[in-house]
């Protein structure tokens, strides 16, 4: 069996303003992403213990 891999070499850098416009337009949907050094990357899922600590500190339930 032959395995083919494709390497993506062209990337685009985004400004904070462009990132927020895309988020406001719903480009990311329900995906958890963040802008790091101009690149949009997937965020790690929030674990229940992290969400619990955030809730205790802030007094609010951000994650359900």
N, C-alpha and C. Protein backbone atom coordinates (compact mmCIF):
# COMPACT_ATOMS: atom_id res chain seq x y z
N UNK A 1 0.83 -1.16 0.00
CA UNK A 1 0.00 0.00 0.00
C UNK A 1 0.89 1.24 0.00
N UNK A 2 0.53 2.21 -0.80
CA UNK A 2 1.28 3.47 -0.88
C UNK A 2 0.56 4.53 -0.07
N UNK A 3 1.30 5.23 0.75
CA UNK A 3 0.73 6.30 1.55
C UNK A 3 1.21 7.64 0.99
N UNK A 4 0.26 8.52 0.77
CA UNK A 4 0.60 9.85 0.29
C UNK A 4 0.35 10.85 1.41
N UNK A 5 1.25 11.76 1.57
CA UNK A 5 1.05 12.84 2.53
C UNK A 5 1.17 14.16 1.79
N UNK A 6 0.42 15.10 2.22
CA UNK A 6 0.46 16.42 1.63
C UNK A 6 0.93 17.39 2.69
N UNK A 7 1.91 18.17 2.35
CA UNK A 7 2.42 19.16 3.28
C UNK A 7 1.90 20.53 2.85
N UNK A 8 1.28 21.22 3.77
CA UNK A 8 0.78 22.55 3.48
C UNK A 8 1.90 23.54 3.74
N UNK A 9 2.27 24.26 2.72
CA UNK A 9 3.37 25.20 2.88
C UNK A 9 2.91 26.65 2.82
N UNK A 10 1.73 26.90 2.27
CA UNK A 10 1.22 28.26 2.19
C UNK A 10 0.34 28.53 3.40
N UNK A 11 0.67 29.54 4.16
CA UNK A 11 -0.14 29.92 5.30
C UNK A 11 -0.48 31.40 5.18
N UNK A 12 -1.50 31.79 5.89
CA UNK A 12 -1.92 33.19 5.88
C UNK A 12 -1.92 33.69 7.31
N UNK A 13 -1.41 34.86 7.50
CA UNK A 13 -1.41 35.49 8.83
C UNK A 13 -2.62 36.40 8.93
N UNK A 14 -3.24 36.42 10.10
CA UNK A 14 -4.44 37.21 10.32
C UNK A 14 -4.18 38.23 11.42
N UNK A 15 -4.75 39.41 11.26
CA UNK A 15 -4.68 40.42 12.31
C UNK A 15 -5.75 40.11 13.35
N UNK A 16 -5.62 40.70 14.51
CA UNK A 16 -6.62 40.53 15.55
C UNK A 16 -7.97 41.04 15.06
N UNK A 17 -7.96 42.15 14.35
CA UNK A 17 -9.20 42.72 13.82
C UNK A 17 -9.88 41.75 12.85
N UNK A 18 -9.11 41.16 11.95
CA UNK A 18 -9.68 40.21 10.98
C UNK A 18 -10.22 38.97 11.69
N UNK A 19 -9.50 38.49 12.69
CA UNK A 19 -9.94 37.33 13.47
C UNK A 19 -11.28 37.60 14.14
N UNK A 20 -11.42 38.78 14.76
CA UNK A 20 -12.67 39.12 15.44
C UNK A 20 -13.81 39.29 14.43
N UNK A 21 -13.53 39.85 13.26
CA UNK A 21 -14.56 39.97 12.23
C UNK A 21 -15.03 38.59 11.79
N UNK A 22 -14.10 37.65 11.62
CA UNK A 22 -14.48 36.29 11.23
C UNK A 22 -15.32 35.62 12.31
N UNK A 23 -14.92 35.81 13.57
CA UNK A 23 -15.67 35.22 14.68
C UNK A 23 -17.08 35.81 14.74
N UNK A 24 -17.19 37.13 14.57
CA UNK A 24 -18.50 37.79 14.60
C UNK A 24 -19.38 37.32 13.45
N UNK A 25 -18.77 36.99 12.31
CA UNK A 25 -19.52 36.53 11.14
C UNK A 25 -19.89 35.05 11.24
N UNK A 26 -19.40 34.35 12.29
CA UNK A 26 -19.74 32.95 12.49
C UNK A 26 -18.91 31.98 11.68
N UNK A 27 -17.76 32.44 11.21
CA UNK A 27 -16.89 31.58 10.39
C UNK A 27 -16.48 30.32 11.14
N UNK A 28 -16.24 30.42 12.43
CA UNK A 28 -15.73 29.30 13.20
C UNK A 28 -16.83 28.41 13.77
N UNK A 29 -18.07 28.86 13.70
CA UNK A 29 -19.17 28.06 14.23
C UNK A 29 -18.96 27.75 15.70
N UNK A 30 -19.06 26.48 16.04
CA UNK A 30 -18.88 26.04 17.42
C UNK A 30 -17.45 25.59 17.71
N UNK A 31 -16.56 25.75 16.74
CA UNK A 31 -15.16 25.34 16.94
C UNK A 31 -14.50 26.24 17.97
N UNK A 32 -13.68 25.64 18.81
CA UNK A 32 -12.90 26.40 19.78
C UNK A 32 -11.54 26.69 19.15
N UNK A 33 -11.34 27.94 18.75
CA UNK A 33 -10.09 28.33 18.11
C UNK A 33 -9.57 29.59 18.79
N UNK A 34 -8.29 29.86 18.55
CA UNK A 34 -7.69 31.09 19.05
C UNK A 34 -6.65 31.57 18.06
N UNK A 35 -6.30 32.83 18.16
CA UNK A 35 -5.31 33.44 17.28
C UNK A 35 -3.97 33.50 18.01
N UNK A 36 -2.99 32.80 17.48
CA UNK A 36 -1.64 32.79 18.08
C UNK A 36 -0.63 33.22 17.03
N UNK A 37 0.02 34.34 17.27
CA UNK A 37 1.04 34.85 16.36
C UNK A 37 0.54 34.91 14.92
N UNK A 38 -0.73 35.35 14.77
CA UNK A 38 -1.30 35.52 13.44
C UNK A 38 -1.88 34.27 12.82
N UNK A 39 -1.79 33.15 13.50
CA UNK A 39 -2.33 31.90 12.97
C UNK A 39 -3.52 31.45 13.81
N UNK A 40 -4.54 30.94 13.15
CA UNK A 40 -5.72 30.44 13.84
C UNK A 40 -5.51 28.96 14.12
N UNK A 41 -5.55 28.60 15.39
CA UNK A 41 -5.28 27.21 15.79
C UNK A 41 -6.42 26.70 16.67
N UNK A 42 -6.60 25.39 16.69
CA UNK A 42 -7.60 24.76 17.53
C UNK A 42 -7.20 24.88 18.99
N UNK A 43 -8.19 25.12 19.86
CA UNK A 43 -7.95 25.17 21.29
C UNK A 43 -8.19 23.81 21.89
N UNK A 44 -7.50 23.54 22.96
CA UNK A 44 -7.71 22.29 23.69
C UNK A 44 -9.08 22.33 24.36
N UNK A 45 -9.71 21.18 24.49
CA UNK A 45 -11.00 21.15 25.18
C UNK A 45 -10.84 21.49 26.66
N UNK A 46 -11.86 22.12 27.22
CA UNK A 46 -11.85 22.45 28.65
C UNK A 46 -12.23 21.19 29.42
N UNK A 47 -11.38 20.82 30.34
CA UNK A 47 -11.64 19.65 31.18
C UNK A 47 -12.52 20.09 32.35
N UNK A 48 -13.24 19.16 32.91
CA UNK A 48 -14.21 19.49 33.96
C UNK A 48 -13.54 20.11 35.20
N UNK A 49 -12.35 19.65 35.56
CA UNK A 49 -11.70 20.22 36.74
C UNK A 49 -11.28 21.67 36.50
N UNK A 50 -10.86 21.98 35.29
CA UNK A 50 -10.51 23.36 34.94
C UNK A 50 -11.76 24.25 35.00
N UNK A 51 -12.84 23.77 34.40
CA UNK A 51 -14.08 24.53 34.41
C UNK A 51 -14.56 24.77 35.84
N UNK A 52 -14.39 23.77 36.71
CA UNK A 52 -14.80 23.92 38.10
C UNK A 52 -14.01 25.00 38.82
N UNK A 53 -12.71 25.06 38.58
CA UNK A 53 -11.86 26.08 39.20
C UNK A 53 -12.25 27.46 38.68
N UNK A 54 -12.46 27.58 37.38
CA UNK A 54 -12.86 28.87 36.81
C UNK A 54 -14.19 29.32 37.42
N UNK A 55 -15.12 28.38 37.58
CA UNK A 55 -16.43 28.71 38.15
C UNK A 55 -16.27 29.20 39.59
N UNK A 56 -15.44 28.51 40.37
CA UNK A 56 -15.23 28.92 41.77
C UNK A 56 -14.59 30.29 41.86
N UNK A 57 -13.61 30.56 40.99
CA UNK A 57 -12.89 31.85 41.04
C UNK A 57 -13.79 32.99 40.62
N UNK A 58 -14.52 32.79 39.54
CA UNK A 58 -15.34 33.89 38.99
C UNK A 58 -16.74 33.93 39.54
N UNK A 59 -17.20 32.81 40.11
CA UNK A 59 -18.56 32.74 40.60
C UNK A 59 -19.58 32.60 39.48
N UNK A 60 -19.10 32.25 38.29
CA UNK A 60 -19.99 32.14 37.13
C UNK A 60 -19.76 30.81 36.43
N UNK A 61 -20.79 30.33 35.78
CA UNK A 61 -20.70 29.08 35.02
C UNK A 61 -20.53 29.40 33.55
N UNK A 62 -19.28 29.48 33.08
CA UNK A 62 -19.01 29.75 31.69
C UNK A 62 -19.11 28.49 30.85
N UNK A 63 -18.78 27.36 31.46
CA UNK A 63 -18.74 26.09 30.75
C UNK A 63 -19.78 25.16 31.35
N UNK A 64 -20.59 24.58 30.51
CA UNK A 64 -21.59 23.67 31.05
C UNK A 64 -21.41 22.30 30.45
